[in-house]
Amino acid sequence: MVVFKNLMSGRQSEIMTNALDLAKTAAGFASNQAAIEPLIAETKQISNQSYFGSQLSPSDEQALFNIYLQIEKYLMTADPIRTFNKEELRNKASVGLRARLEDYEQHLAPLTKQLAT
């Protein structure tokens, strides 16, 4: 994760640069962790397979994007305490990460859904 200082406010902002950070952060927003436990377990499994500082493989990144999108949907529609919107959840993603997520969402996520049915 890249951390930089906002010179105007003196506060630090965290910008997520990889899909693992994105999925973990989104999962942390869930007020009922049990509702997304299978997704959390999948995220941990991918995290355990990679080591600190290593690049995620393209298949791991796609799996994490899939997990993230499911968590995002839960947070926007089913969380019992708070409802989020897409912009709120994605605003800490780097430009590059967000572009890859949106590309996955537009092109590959529909294929993943078709294969699952």
PDB file of N, CA and C in Angstrom:
ATOM      1  N   MET A   1       0.850  -1.161   0.000  1.00  0.00           N
ATOM      2  CA  MET A   1       0.000   0.000   0.000  1.00  0.00           C
ATOM      3  C   MET A   1       0.902   1.231   0.000  1.00  0.00           C
ATOM      4  N   VAL A   2       0.535   2.177  -0.792  1.00  0.00           N
ATOM      5  CA  VAL A   2       1.298   3.413  -0.881  1.00  0.00           C
ATOM      6  C   VAL A   2       0.662   4.429   0.063  1.00  0.00           C
ATOM      7  N   VAL A   3       1.475   5.056   0.863  1.00  0.00           N
ATOM      8  CA  VAL A   3       0.986   6.090   1.768  1.00  0.00           C
ATOM      9  C   VAL A   3       1.694   7.383   1.410  1.00  0.00           C
ATOM     10  N   PHE A   4       0.943   8.455   1.278  1.00  0.00           N
ATOM     11  CA  PHE A   4       1.557   9.739   1.001  1.00  0.00           C
ATOM     12  C   PHE A   4       0.905  10.796   1.874  1.00  0.00           C
ATOM     13  N   LYS A   5       1.577  11.863   2.048  1.00  0.00           N
ATOM     14  CA  LYS A   5       1.079  12.919   2.918  1.00  0.00           C
ATOM     15  C   LYS A   5       0.405  14.005   2.093  1.00  0.00           C
ATOM     16  N   ASN A   6      -0.766  14.368   2.511  1.00  0.00           N
ATOM     17  CA  ASN A   6      -1.473  15.476   1.901  1.00  0.00           C
ATOM     18  C   ASN A   6      -0.880  16.749   2.499  1.00  0.00           C
ATOM     19  N   LEU A   7      -0.140  17.493   1.718  1.00  0.00           N
ATOM     20  CA  LEU A   7       0.583  18.657   2.228  1.00  0.00           C
ATOM     21  C   LEU A   7      -0.342  19.773   2.696  1.00  0.00           C
ATOM     22  N   MET A   8      -1.542  19.839   2.160  1.00  0.00           N
ATOM     23  CA  MET A   8      -2.461  20.902   2.539  1.00  0.00           C
ATOM     24  C   MET A   8      -3.070  20.666   3.920  1.00  0.00           C
ATOM     25  N   SER A   9      -3.391  19.405   4.254  1.00  0.00           N
ATOM     26  CA  SER A   9      -4.091  19.156   5.506  1.00  0.00           C
ATOM     27  C   SER A   9      -3.183  18.623   6.605  1.00  0.00           C
ATOM     28  N   GLY A  10      -2.022  18.107   6.233  1.00  0.00           N
ATOM     29  CA  GLY A  10      -1.135  17.528   7.232  1.00  0.00           C
ATOM     30  C   GLY A  10      -1.525  16.114   7.613  1.00  0.00           C
ATOM     31  N   ARG A  11      -2.657  15.620   7.103  1.00  0.00           N
ATOM     32  CA  ARG A  11      -3.093  14.259   7.390  1.00  0.00           C
ATOM     33  C   ARG A  11      -2.569  13.327   6.314  1.00  0.00           C
ATOM     34  N   GLN A  12      -2.450  12.047   6.660  1.00  0.00           N
ATOM     35  CA  GLN A  12      -2.022  11.066   5.672  1.00  0.00           C
ATOM     36  C   GLN A  12      -3.233  10.391   5.050  1.00  0.00           C
ATOM     37  N   SER A  13      -3.145  10.118   3.760  1.00  0.00           N
ATOM     38  CA  SER A  13      -4.177   9.385   3.050  1.00  0.00           C
ATOM     39  C   SER A  13      -3.567   8.095   2.537  1.00  0.00           C
ATOM     40  N   GLU A  14      -4.331   7.037   2.605  1.00  0.00           N
ATOM     41  CA  GLU A  14      -3.855   5.770   2.078  1.00  0.00           C
ATOM     42  C   GLU A  14      -4.523   5.523   0.736  1.00  0.00           C
ATOM     43  N   ILE A  15      -3.709   5.213  -0.226  1.00  0.00           N
ATOM     44  CA  ILE A  15      -4.196   4.896  -1.554  1.00  0.00           C
ATOM     45  C   ILE A  15      -3.875   3.425  -1.806  1.00  0.00           C
ATOM     46  N   MET A  16      -4.905   2.654  -2.082  1.00  0.00           N
ATOM     47  CA  MET A  16      -4.713   1.221  -2.334  1.00  0.00           C
ATOM     48  C   MET A  16      -4.202   1.013  -3.748  1.00  0.00           C
ATOM     49  N   THR A  17      -3.167   0.212  -3.870  1.00  0.00           N
ATOM     50  CA  THR A  17      -2.572  -0.028  -5.176  1.00  0.00           C
ATOM     51  C   THR A  17      -2.689  -1.473  -5.623  1.00  0.00           C
ATOM     52  N   ASN A  18      -3.244  -2.354  -4.770  1.00  0.00           N
ATOM     53  CA  ASN A  18      -3.419  -3.735  -5.219  1.00  0.00           C
ATOM     54  C   ASN A  18      -4.760  -4.296  -4.769  1.00  0.00           C
ATOM     55  N   ALA A  19      -5.176  -5.350  -5.460  1.00  0.00           N
ATOM     56  CA  ALA A  19      -6.501  -5.925  -5.250  1.00  0.00           C
ATOM     57  C   ALA A  19      -6.650  -6.549  -3.869  1.00  0.00           C
ATOM     58  N   LEU A  20      -5.560  -7.016  -3.285  1.00  0.00           N
ATOM     59  CA  LEU A  20      -5.629  -7.602  -1.949  1.00  0.00           C
ATOM     60  C   LEU A  20      -6.019  -6.541  -0.926  1.00  0.00           C
ATOM     61  N   ASP A  21      -5.387  -5.385  -0.990  1.00  0.00           N
ATOM     62  CA  ASP A  21      -5.743  -4.279  -0.087  1.00  0.00           C
ATOM     63  C   ASP A  21      -7.197  -3.858  -0.293  1.00  0.00           C
ATOM     64  N   LEU A  22      -7.624  -3.814  -1.540  1.00  0.00           N
ATOM     65  CA  LEU A  22      -8.986  -3.405  -1.858  1.00  0.00           C
ATOM     66  C   LEU A  22     -10.007  -4.356  -1.224  1.00  0.00           C
ATOM     67  N   ALA A  23      -9.796  -5.656  -1.393  1.00  0.00           N
ATOM     68  CA  ALA A  23     -10.725  -6.648  -0.845  1.00  0.00           C
ATOM     69  C   ALA A  23     -10.711  -6.637   0.680  1.00  0.00           C
ATOM     70  N   LYS A  24      -9.517  -6.566   1.285  1.00  0.00           N
ATOM     71  CA  LYS A  24      -9.414  -6.557   2.749  1.00  0.00           C
ATOM     72  C   LYS A  24     -10.070  -5.312   3.339  1.00  0.00           C
ATOM     73  N   THR A  25      -9.855  -4.173   2.727  1.00  0.00           N
ATOM     74  CA  THR A  25     -10.434  -2.930   3.228  1.00  0.00           C
ATOM     75  C   THR A  25     -11.956  -2.963   3.142  1.00  0.00           C
ATOM     76  N   ALA A  26     -12.475  -3.421   2.016  1.00  0.00           N
ATOM     77  CA  ALA A  26     -13.933  -3.513   1.857  1.00  0.00           C
ATOM     78  C   ALA A  26     -14.525  -4.471   2.884  1.00  0.00           C
ATOM     79  N   ALA A  27     -13.874  -5.596   3.099  1.00  0.00           N
ATOM     80  CA  ALA A  27     -14.365  -6.567   4.080  1.00  0.00           C
ATOM     81  C   ALA A  27     -14.400  -5.957   5.475  1.00  0.00           C
ATOM     82  N   GLY A  28     -13.459  -5.098   5.774  1.00  0.00           N
ATOM     83  CA  GLY A  28     -13.410  -4.446   7.079  1.00  0.00           C
ATOM     84  C   GLY A  28     -14.575  -3.512   7.344  1.00  0.00           C
ATOM     85  N   PHE A  29     -15.250  -3.063   6.294  1.00  0.00           N
ATOM     86  CA  PHE A  29     -16.404  -2.181   6.449  1.00  0.00           C
ATOM     87  C   PHE A  29     -17.675  -2.924   6.835  1.00  0.00           C
ATOM     88  N   ALA A  30     -17.699  -4.229   6.632  1.00  0.00           N
ATOM     89  CA  ALA A  30     -18.920  -5.004   6.894  1.00  0.00           C
ATOM     90  C   ALA A  30     -19.208  -5.045   8.391  1.00  0.00           C
ATOM     91  N   SER A  31     -20.418  -4.682   8.753  1.00  0.00           N
ATOM     92  CA  SER A  31     -20.786  -4.702  10.171  1.00  0.00           C
ATOM     93  C   SER A  31     -21.088  -6.117  10.641  1.00  0.00           C
ATOM     94  N   ASN A  32     -21.438  -7.007   9.725  1.00  0.00           N
ATOM     95  CA  ASN A  32     -21.702  -8.400  10.060  1.00  0.00           C
ATOM     96  C   ASN A  32     -20.695  -9.261   9.296  1.00  0.00           C
ATOM     97  N   GLN A  33     -19.535  -9.467   9.885  1.00  0.00           N
ATOM     98  CA  GLN A  33     -18.464 -10.214   9.229  1.00  0.00           C
ATOM     99  C   GLN A  33     -18.885 -11.643   8.869  1.00  0.00           C
ATOM    100  N   ALA A  34     -19.768 -12.229   9.666  1.00  0.00           N
ATOM    101  CA  ALA A  34     -20.220 -13.597   9.402  1.00  0.00           C
ATOM    102  C   ALA A  34     -20.928 -13.707   8.052  1.00  0.00           C
ATOM    103  N   ALA A  35     -21.577 -12.634   7.626  1.00  0.00           N
ATOM    104  CA  ALA A  35     -22.309 -12.650   6.360  1.00  0.00           C
ATOM    105  C   ALA A  35     -21.381 -12.780   5.154  1.00  0.00           C
ATOM    106  N   ILE A  36     -20.136 -12.361   5.309  1.00  0.00           N
ATOM    107  CA  ILE A  36     -19.187 -12.429   4.191  1.00  0.00           C
ATOM    108  C   ILE A  36     -18.003 -13.337   4.512  1.00  0.00           C
ATOM    109  N   GLU A  37     -18.139 -14.179   5.523  1.00  0.00           N
ATOM    110  CA  GLU A  37     -17.030 -15.042   5.964  1.00  0.00           C
ATOM    111  C   GLU A  37     -16.414 -15.872   4.839  1.00  0.00           C
ATOM    112  N   PRO A  38     -17.208 -16.485   3.946  1.00  0.00           N
ATOM    113  CA  PRO A  38     -16.570 -17.239   2.855  1.00  0.00           C
ATOM    114  C   PRO A  38     -15.667 -16.371   1.978  1.00  0.00           C
ATOM    115  N   LEU A  39     -16.065 -15.125   1.774  1.00  0.00           N
ATOM    116  CA  LEU A  39     -15.252 -14.201   0.967  1.00  0.00           C
ATOM    117  C   LEU A  39     -13.984 -13.800   1.710  1.00  0.00           C
ATOM    118  N   ILE A  40     -14.103 -13.612   3.020  1.00  0.00           N
ATOM    119  CA  ILE A  40     -12.937 -13.296   3.844  1.00  0.00           C
ATOM    120  C   ILE A  40     -11.957 -14.470   3.816  1.00  0.00           C
ATOM    121  N   ALA A  41     -12.479 -15.683   3.914  1.00  0.00           N
ATOM    122  CA  ALA A  41     -11.627 -16.879   3.881  1.00  0.00           C
ATOM    123  C   ALA A  41     -10.891 -17.004   2.553  1.00  0.00           C
ATOM    124  N   GLU A  42     -11.586 -16.725   1.451  1.00  0.00           N
ATOM    125  CA  GLU A  42     -10.937 -16.763   0.133  1.00  0.00           C
ATOM    126  C   GLU A  42      -9.828 -15.715   0.042  1.00  0.00           C
ATOM    127  N   THR A  43     -10.093 -14.535   0.581  1.00  0.00           N
ATOM    128  CA  THR A  43      -9.096 -13.463   0.569  1.00  0.00           C
ATOM    129  C   THR A  43      -7.866 -13.882   1.364  1.00  0.00           C
ATOM    130  N   LYS A  44      -8.082 -14.471   2.534  1.00  0.00           N
ATOM    131  CA  LYS A  44      -6.964 -14.934   3.364  1.00  0.00           C
ATOM    132  C   LYS A  44      -6.167 -16.018   2.661  1.00  0.00           C
ATOM    133  N   GLN A  45      -6.862 -16.908   1.966  1.00  0.00           N
ATOM    134  CA  GLN A  45      -6.169 -17.984   1.250  1.00  0.00           C
ATOM    135  C   GLN A  45      -5.239 -17.407   0.184  1.00  0.00           C
ATOM    136  N   ILE A  46      -5.726 -16.444  -0.573  1.00  0.00           N
ATOM    137  CA  ILE A  46      -4.888 -15.812  -1.600  1.00  0.00           C
ATOM    138  C   ILE A  46      -3.740 -15.053  -0.941  1.00  0.00           C
ATOM    139  N   SER A  47      -4.034 -14.367   0.154  1.00  0.00           N
ATOM    140  CA  SER A  47      -3.001 -13.616   0.876  1.00  0.00           C
ATOM    141  C   SER A  47      -1.903 -14.545   1.379  1.00  0.00           C
ATOM    142  N   ASN A  48      -2.268 -15.699   1.886  1.00  0.00           N
ATOM    143  CA  ASN A  48      -1.290 -16.651   2.413  1.00  0.00           C
ATOM    144  C   ASN A  48      -0.425 -17.254   1.323  1.00  0.00           C
ATOM    145  N   GLN A  49      -0.944 -17.307   0.104  1.00  0.00           N
ATOM    146  CA  GLN A  49      -0.184 -17.873  -1.011  1.00  0.00           C
ATOM    147  C   GLN A  49       0.887 -16.916  -1.521  1.00  0.00           C
ATOM    148  N   SER A  50       0.671 -15.647  -1.334  1.00  0.00           N
ATOM    149  CA  SER A  50       1.663 -14.667  -1.778  1.00  0.00           C
ATOM    150  C   SER A  50       2.468 -14.222  -0.568  1.00  0.00           C
ATOM    151  N   TYR A  51       3.605 -13.657  -0.797  1.00  0.00           N
ATOM    152  CA  TYR A  51       4.416 -13.159   0.303  1.00  0.00           C
ATOM    153  C   TYR A  51       4.539 -11.658   0.213  1.00  0.00           C
ATOM    154  N   PHE A  52       4.902 -11.052   1.323  1.00  0.00           N
ATOM    155  CA  PHE A  52       4.967  -9.595   1.433  1.00  0.00           C
ATOM    156  C   PHE A  52       5.797  -9.000   0.312  1.00  0.00           C
ATOM    157  N   GLY A  53       5.224  -8.024  -0.357  1.00  0.00           N
ATOM    158  CA  GLY A  53       5.949  -7.296  -1.388  1.00  0.00           C
ATOM    159  C   GLY A  53       5.904  -7.927  -2.764  1.00  0.00           C
ATOM    160  N   SER A  54       5.339  -9.124  -2.866  1.00  0.00           N
ATOM    161  CA  SER A  54       5.317  -9.767  -4.176  1.00  0.00           C
ATOM    162  C   SER A  54       4.133  -9.262  -4.998  1.00  0.00           C
ATOM    163  N   GLN A  55       4.263  -9.375  -6.276  1.00  0.00           N
ATOM    164  CA  GLN A  55       3.176  -8.995  -7.173  1.00  0.00           C
ATOM    165  C   GLN A  55       2.144 -10.124  -7.199  1.00  0.00           C
ATOM    166  N   LEU A  56       0.884  -9.764  -7.238  1.00  0.00           N
ATOM    167  CA  LEU A  56      -0.165 -10.758  -7.390  1.00  0.00           C
ATOM    168  C   LEU A  56      -0.144 -11.281  -8.818  1.00  0.00           C
ATOM    169  N   SER A  57      -0.433 -12.556  -8.970  1.00  0.00           N
ATOM    170  CA  SER A  57      -0.551 -13.095 -10.323  1.00  0.00           C
ATOM    171  C   SER A  57      -1.842 -12.548 -10.936  1.00  0.00           C
ATOM    172  N   PRO A  58      -1.929 -12.532 -12.257  1.00  0.00           N
ATOM    173  CA  PRO A  58      -3.166 -12.057 -12.888  1.00  0.00           C
ATOM    174  C   PRO A  58      -4.404 -12.842 -12.424  1.00  0.00           C
ATOM    175  N   SER A  59      -4.263 -14.148 -12.227  1.00  0.00           N
ATOM    176  CA  SER A  59      -5.424 -14.936 -11.780  1.00  0.00           C
ATOM    177  C   SER A  59      -5.801 -14.597 -10.337  1.00  0.00           C
ATOM    178  N   ASP A  60      -4.811 -14.340  -9.482  1.00  0.00           N
ATOM    179  CA  ASP A  60      -5.109 -13.919  -8.104  1.00  0.00           C
ATOM    180  C   ASP A  60      -5.789 -12.555  -8.097  1.00  0.00           C
ATOM    181  N   GLU A  61      -5.305 -11.639  -8.932  1.00  0.00           N
ATOM    182  CA  GLU A  61      -5.922 -10.320  -8.985  1.00  0.00           C
ATOM    183  C   GLU A  61      -7.373 -10.433  -9.449  1.00  0.00           C
ATOM    184  N   GLN A  62      -7.632 -11.253 -10.447  1.00  0.00           N
ATOM    185  CA  GLN A  62      -9.005 -11.420 -10.925  1.00  0.00           C
ATOM    186  C   GLN A  62      -9.882 -12.055  -9.844  1.00  0.00           C
ATOM    187  N   ALA A  63      -9.348 -13.031  -9.122  1.00  0.00           N
ATOM    188  CA  ALA A  63     -10.113 -13.659  -8.038  1.00  0.00           C
ATOM    189  C   ALA A  63     -10.440 -12.633  -6.957  1.00  0.00           C
ATOM    190  N   LEU A  64      -9.476 -11.778  -6.645  1.00  0.00           N
ATOM    191  CA  LEU A  64      -9.706 -10.742  -5.632  1.00  0.00           C
ATOM    192  C   LEU A  64     -10.688  -9.680  -6.117  1.00  0.00           C
ATOM    193  N   PHE A  65     -10.649  -9.345  -7.387  1.00  0.00           N
ATOM    194  CA  PHE A  65     -11.641  -8.419  -7.930  1.00  0.00           C
ATOM    195  C   PHE A  65     -13.040  -9.030  -7.817  1.00  0.00           C
ATOM    196  N   ASN A  66     -13.155 -10.315  -8.107  1.00  0.00           N
ATOM    197  CA  ASN A  66     -14.436 -11.004  -7.987  1.00  0.00           C
ATOM    198  C   ASN A  66     -14.925 -10.969  -6.535  1.00  0.00           C
ATOM    199  N   ILE A  67     -14.036 -11.253  -5.602  1.00  0.00           N
ATOM    200  CA  ILE A  67     -14.365 -11.190  -4.176  1.00  0.00           C
ATOM    201  C   ILE A  67     -14.781  -9.768  -3.801  1.00  0.00           C
ATOM    202  N   TYR A  68     -13.991  -8.787  -4.229  1.00  0.00           N
ATOM    203  CA  TYR A  68     -14.292  -7.398  -3.918  1.00  0.00           C
ATOM    204  C   TYR A  68     -15.686  -7.014  -4.411  1.00  0.00           C
ATOM    205  N   LEU A  69     -16.009  -7.374  -5.641  1.00  0.00           N
ATOM    206  CA  LEU A  69     -17.307  -6.997  -6.205  1.00  0.00           C
ATOM    207  C   LEU A  69     -18.464  -7.614  -5.415  1.00  0.00           C
ATOM    208  N   GLN A  70     -18.266  -8.821  -4.903  1.00  0.00           N
ATOM    209  CA  GLN A  70     -19.302  -9.449  -4.080  1.00  0.00           C
ATOM    210  C   GLN A  70     -19.447  -8.722  -2.739  1.00  0.00           C
ATOM    211  N   ILE A  71     -18.309  -8.354  -2.149  1.00  0.00           N
ATOM    212  CA  ILE A  71     -18.350  -7.597  -0.893  1.00  0.00           C
ATOM    213  C   ILE A  71     -18.974  -6.229  -1.129  1.00  0.00           C
ATOM    214  N   GLU A  72     -18.587  -5.582  -2.219  1.00  0.00           N
ATOM    215  CA  GLU A  72     -19.145  -4.271  -2.564  1.00  0.00           C
ATOM    216  C   GLU A  72     -20.661  -4.356  -2.687  1.00  0.00           C
ATOM    217  N   LYS A  73     -21.149  -5.376  -3.367  1.00  0.00           N
ATOM    218  CA  LYS A  73     -22.599  -5.550  -3.524  1.00  0.00           C
ATOM    219  C   LYS A  73     -23.259  -5.726  -2.163  1.00  0.00           C
ATOM    220  N   TYR A  74     -22.651  -6.530  -1.288  1.00  0.00           N
ATOM    221  CA  TYR A  74     -23.188  -6.715   0.063  1.00  0.00           C
ATOM    222  C   TYR A  74     -23.250  -5.375   0.795  1.00  0.00           C
ATOM    223  N   LEU A  75     -22.178  -4.615   0.742  1.00  0.00           N
ATOM    224  CA  LEU A  75     -22.128  -3.335   1.452  1.00  0.00           C
ATOM    225  C   LEU A  75     -23.141  -2.328   0.899  1.00  0.00           C
ATOM    226  N   MET A  76     -23.421  -2.402  -0.381  1.00  0.00           N
ATOM    227  CA  MET A  76     -24.352  -1.452  -1.000  1.00  0.00           C
ATOM    228  C   MET A  76     -25.814  -1.870  -0.828  1.00  0.00           C
ATOM    229  N   THR A  77     -26.062  -3.168  -0.581  1.00  0.00           N
ATOM    230  CA  THR A  77     -27.449  -3.634  -0.575  1.00  0.00           C
ATOM    231  C   THR A  77     -27.896  -4.372   0.679  1.00  0.00           C
ATOM    232  N   ALA A  78     -26.975  -4.957   1.432  1.00  0.00           N
ATOM    233  CA  ALA A  78     -27.418  -5.872   2.494  1.00  0.00           C
ATOM    234  C   ALA A  78     -26.816  -5.625   3.875  1.00  0.00           C
ATOM    235  N   ASP A  79     -25.848  -4.746   4.000  1.00  0.00           N
ATOM    236  CA  ASP A  79     -25.256  -4.518   5.320  1.00  0.00           C
ATOM    237  C   ASP A  79     -26.331  -3.963   6.258  1.00  0.00           C
ATOM    238  N   PRO A  80     -26.480  -4.558   7.442  1.00  0.00           N
ATOM    239  CA  PRO A  80     -27.573  -4.144   8.320  1.00  0.00           C
ATOM    240  C   PRO A  80     -27.399  -2.777   8.990  1.00  0.00           C
ATOM    241  N   ILE A  81     -26.185  -2.255   9.063  1.00  0.00           N
ATOM    242  CA  ILE A  81     -25.938  -1.002   9.782  1.00  0.00           C
ATOM    243  C   ILE A  81     -25.845   0.200   8.848  1.00  0.00           C
ATOM    244  N   ARG A  82     -25.091   0.051   7.772  1.00  0.00           N
ATOM    245  CA  ARG A  82     -24.816   1.197   6.915  1.00  0.00           C
ATOM    246  C   ARG A  82     -24.864   0.784   5.452  1.00  0.00           C
ATOM    247  N   THR A  83     -25.350   1.658   4.616  1.00  0.00           N
ATOM    248  CA  THR A  83     -25.352   1.423   3.175  1.00  0.00           C
ATOM    249  C   THR A  83     -24.301   2.331   2.544  1.00  0.00           C
ATOM    250  N   PHE A  84     -23.444   1.727   1.757  1.00  0.00           N
ATOM    251  CA  PHE A  84     -22.389   2.453   1.055  1.00  0.00           C
ATOM    252  C   PHE A  84     -22.812   2.661  -0.388  1.00  0.00           C
ATOM    253  N   ASN A  85     -22.118   3.572  -1.071  1.00  0.00           N
ATOM    254  CA  ASN A  85     -22.285   3.669  -2.517  1.00  0.00           C
ATOM    255  C   ASN A  85     -20.953   3.310  -3.167  1.00  0.00           C
ATOM    256  N   LYS A  86     -21.005   3.043  -4.447  1.00  0.00           N
ATOM    257  CA  LYS A  86     -19.827   2.575  -5.177  1.00  0.00           C
ATOM    258  C   LYS A  86     -18.661   3.554  -5.085  1.00  0.00           C
ATOM    259  N   GLU A  87     -18.937   4.823  -5.249  1.00  0.00           N
ATOM    260  CA  GLU A  87     -17.879   5.834  -5.221  1.00  0.00           C
ATOM    261  C   GLU A  87     -17.186   5.870  -3.860  1.00  0.00           C
ATOM    262  N   GLU A  88     -17.974   5.789  -2.807  1.00  0.00           N
ATOM    263  CA  GLU A  88     -17.436   5.785  -1.446  1.00  0.00           C
ATOM    264  C   GLU A  88     -16.455   4.639  -1.240  1.00  0.00           C
ATOM    265  N   LEU A  89     -16.802   3.477  -1.777  1.00  0.00           N
ATOM    266  CA  LEU A  89     -15.974   2.291  -1.586  1.00  0.00           C
ATOM    267  C   LEU A  89     -14.726   2.292  -2.460  1.00  0.00           C
ATOM    268  N   ARG A  90     -14.816   2.909  -3.602  1.00  0.00           N
ATOM    269  CA  ARG A  90     -13.695   2.861  -4.553  1.00  0.00           C
ATOM    270  C   ARG A  90     -12.788   4.086  -4.500  1.00  0.00           C
ATOM    271  N   ASN A  91     -13.126   5.082  -3.720  1.00  0.00           N
ATOM    272  CA  ASN A  91     -12.392   6.347  -3.787  1.00  0.00           C
ATOM    273  C   ASN A  91     -10.962   6.284  -3.264  1.00  0.00           C
ATOM    274  N   LYS A  92     -10.582   5.250  -2.548  1.00  0.00           N
ATOM    275  CA  LYS A  92      -9.206   5.131  -2.059  1.00  0.00           C
ATOM    276  C   LYS A  92      -8.337   4.248  -2.960  1.00  0.00           C
ATOM    277  N   ALA A  93      -8.921   3.746  -4.042  1.00  0.00           N
ATOM    278  CA  ALA A  93      -8.144   2.930  -4.981  1.00  0.00           C
ATOM    279  C   ALA A  93      -7.336   3.840  -5.896  1.00  0.00           C
ATOM    280  N   SER A  94      -6.117   3.427  -6.190  1.00  0.00           N
ATOM    281  CA  SER A  94      -5.308   4.208  -7.121  1.00  0.00           C
ATOM    282  C   SER A  94      -5.996   4.221  -8.483  1.00  0.00           C
ATOM    283  N   VAL A  95      -5.613   5.158  -9.309  1.00  0.00           N
ATOM    284  CA  VAL A  95      -6.206   5.275 -10.645  1.00  0.00           C
ATOM    285  C   VAL A  95      -6.010   3.976 -11.421  1.00  0.00           C
ATOM    286  N   GLY A  96      -4.819   3.421 -11.363  1.00  0.00           N
ATOM    287  CA  GLY A  96      -4.528   2.189 -12.094  1.00  0.00           C
ATOM    288  C   GLY A  96      -5.324   1.006 -11.580  1.00  0.00           C
ATOM    289  N   LEU A  97      -5.416   0.876 -10.254  1.00  0.00           N
ATOM    290  CA  LEU A  97      -6.173  -0.231  -9.660  1.00  0.00           C
ATOM    291  C   LEU A  97      -7.647  -0.105 -10.013  1.00  0.00           C
ATOM    292  N   ARG A  98      -8.163   1.091  -9.917  1.00  0.00           N
ATOM    293  CA  ARG A  98      -9.573   1.306 -10.233  1.00  0.00           C
ATOM    294  C   ARG A  98      -9.853   1.000 -11.705  1.00  0.00           C
ATOM    295  N   ALA A  99      -8.951   1.377 -12.579  1.00  0.00           N
ATOM    296  CA  ALA A  99      -9.126   1.084 -14.009  1.00  0.00           C
ATOM    297  C   ALA A  99      -9.132  -0.426 -14.249  1.00  0.00           C
ATOM    298  N   ARG A 100      -8.229  -1.167 -13.583  1.00  0.00           N
ATOM    299  CA  ARG A 100      -8.192  -2.625 -13.739  1.00  0.00           C
ATOM    300  C   ARG A 100      -9.466  -3.256 -13.178  1.00  0.00           C
ATOM    301  N   LEU A 101      -9.940  -2.761 -12.034  1.00  0.00           N
ATOM    302  CA  LEU A 101     -11.177  -3.273 -11.438  1.00  0.00           C
ATOM    303  C   LEU A 101     -12.352  -3.040 -12.379  1.00  0.00           C
ATOM    304  N   GLU A 102     -12.472  -1.836 -12.907  1.00  0.00           N
ATOM    305  CA  GLU A 102     -13.594  -1.513 -13.780  1.00  0.00           C
ATOM    306  C   GLU A 102     -13.525  -2.281 -15.095  1.00  0.00           C
ATOM    307  N   ASP A 103     -12.309  -2.529 -15.587  1.00  0.00           N
ATOM    308  CA  ASP A 103     -12.137  -3.350 -16.784  1.00  0.00           C
ATOM    309  C   ASP A 103     -12.592  -4.780 -16.492  1.00  0.00           C
ATOM    310  N   TYR A 104     -12.178  -5.306 -15.343  1.00  0.00           N
ATOM    311  CA  TYR A 104     -12.610  -6.652 -14.940  1.00  0.00           C
ATOM    312  C   TYR A 104     -14.132  -6.698 -14.812  1.00  0.00           C
ATOM    313  N   GLU A 105     -14.675  -5.710 -14.140  1.00  0.00           N
ATOM    314  CA  GLU A 105     -16.120  -5.660 -13.898  1.00  0.00           C
ATOM    315  C   GLU A 105     -16.906  -5.644 -15.214  1.00  0.00           C
ATOM    316  N   GLN A 106     -16.410  -4.904 -16.171  1.00  0.00           N
ATOM    317  CA  GLN A 106     -17.108  -4.747 -17.443  1.00  0.00           C
ATOM    318  C   GLN A 106     -16.944  -5.956 -18.353  1.00  0.00           C
ATOM    319  N   HIS A 107     -15.745  -6.546 -18.386  1.00  0.00           N
ATOM    320  CA  HIS A 107     -15.466  -7.577 -19.377  1.00  0.00           C
ATOM    321  C   HIS A 107     -15.425  -8.998 -18.839  1.00  0.00           C
ATOM    322  N   LEU A 108     -14.819  -9.205 -17.687  1.00  0.00           N
ATOM    323  CA  LEU A 108     -14.619 -10.569 -17.211  1.00  0.00           C
ATOM    324  C   LEU A 108     -15.634 -11.024 -16.171  1.00  0.00           C
ATOM    325  N   ALA A 109     -16.123 -10.126 -15.344  1.00  0.00           N
ATOM    326  CA  ALA A 109     -17.086 -10.516 -14.312  1.00  0.00           C
ATOM    327  C   ALA A 109     -18.333 -11.160 -14.921  1.00  0.00           C
ATOM    328  N   PRO A 110     -18.894 -10.638 -16.021  1.00  0.00           N
ATOM    329  CA  PRO A 110     -20.058 -11.316 -16.605  1.00  0.00           C
ATOM    330  C   PRO A 110     -19.746 -12.743 -17.056  1.00  0.00           C
ATOM    331  N   LEU A 111     -18.540 -12.984 -17.548  1.00  0.00           N
ATOM    332  CA  LEU A 111     -18.147 -14.323 -17.954  1.00  0.00           C
ATOM    333  C   LEU A 111     -18.046 -15.257 -16.744  1.00  0.00           C
ATOM    334  N   THR A 112     -17.531 -14.744 -15.640  1.00  0.00           N
ATOM    335  CA  THR A 112     -17.414 -15.524 -14.416  1.00  0.00           C
ATOM    336  C   THR A 112     -18.791 -15.948 -13.935  1.00  0.00           C
ATOM    337  N   LYS A 113     -19.750 -15.049 -13.988  1.00  0.00           N
ATOM    338  CA  LYS A 113     -21.129 -15.372 -13.579  1.00  0.00           C
ATOM    339  C   LYS A 113     -21.731 -16.433 -14.473  1.00  0.00           C
ATOM    340  N   GLN A 114     -21.475 -16.354 -15.783  1.00  0.00           N
ATOM    341  CA  GLN A 114     -22.016 -17.343 -16.717  1.00  0.00           C
ATOM    342  C   GLN A 114     -21.435 -18.720 -16.441  1.00  0.00           C
ATOM    343  N   LEU A 115     -20.148 -18.798 -16.149  1.00  0.00           N
ATOM    344  CA  LEU A 115     -19.504 -20.082 -15.875  1.00  0.00           C
ATOM    345  C   LEU A 115     -19.995 -20.697 -14.565  1.00  0.00           C
ATOM    346  N   ALA A 116     -20.388 -19.871 -13.614  1.00  0.00           N
ATOM    347  CA  ALA A 116     -20.836 -20.364 -12.309  1.00  0.00           C
ATOM    348  C   ALA A 116     -22.251 -20.952 -12.374  1.00  0.00           C
ATOM    349  N   THR A 117     -23.009 -20.595 -13.395  1.00  0.00           N
ATOM    350  CA  THR A 117     -24.384 -21.088 -13.475  1.00  0.00           C
ATOM    351  C   THR A 117     -24.512 -22.318 -14.325  1.00  0.00           C
TER     352      THR A 117
END
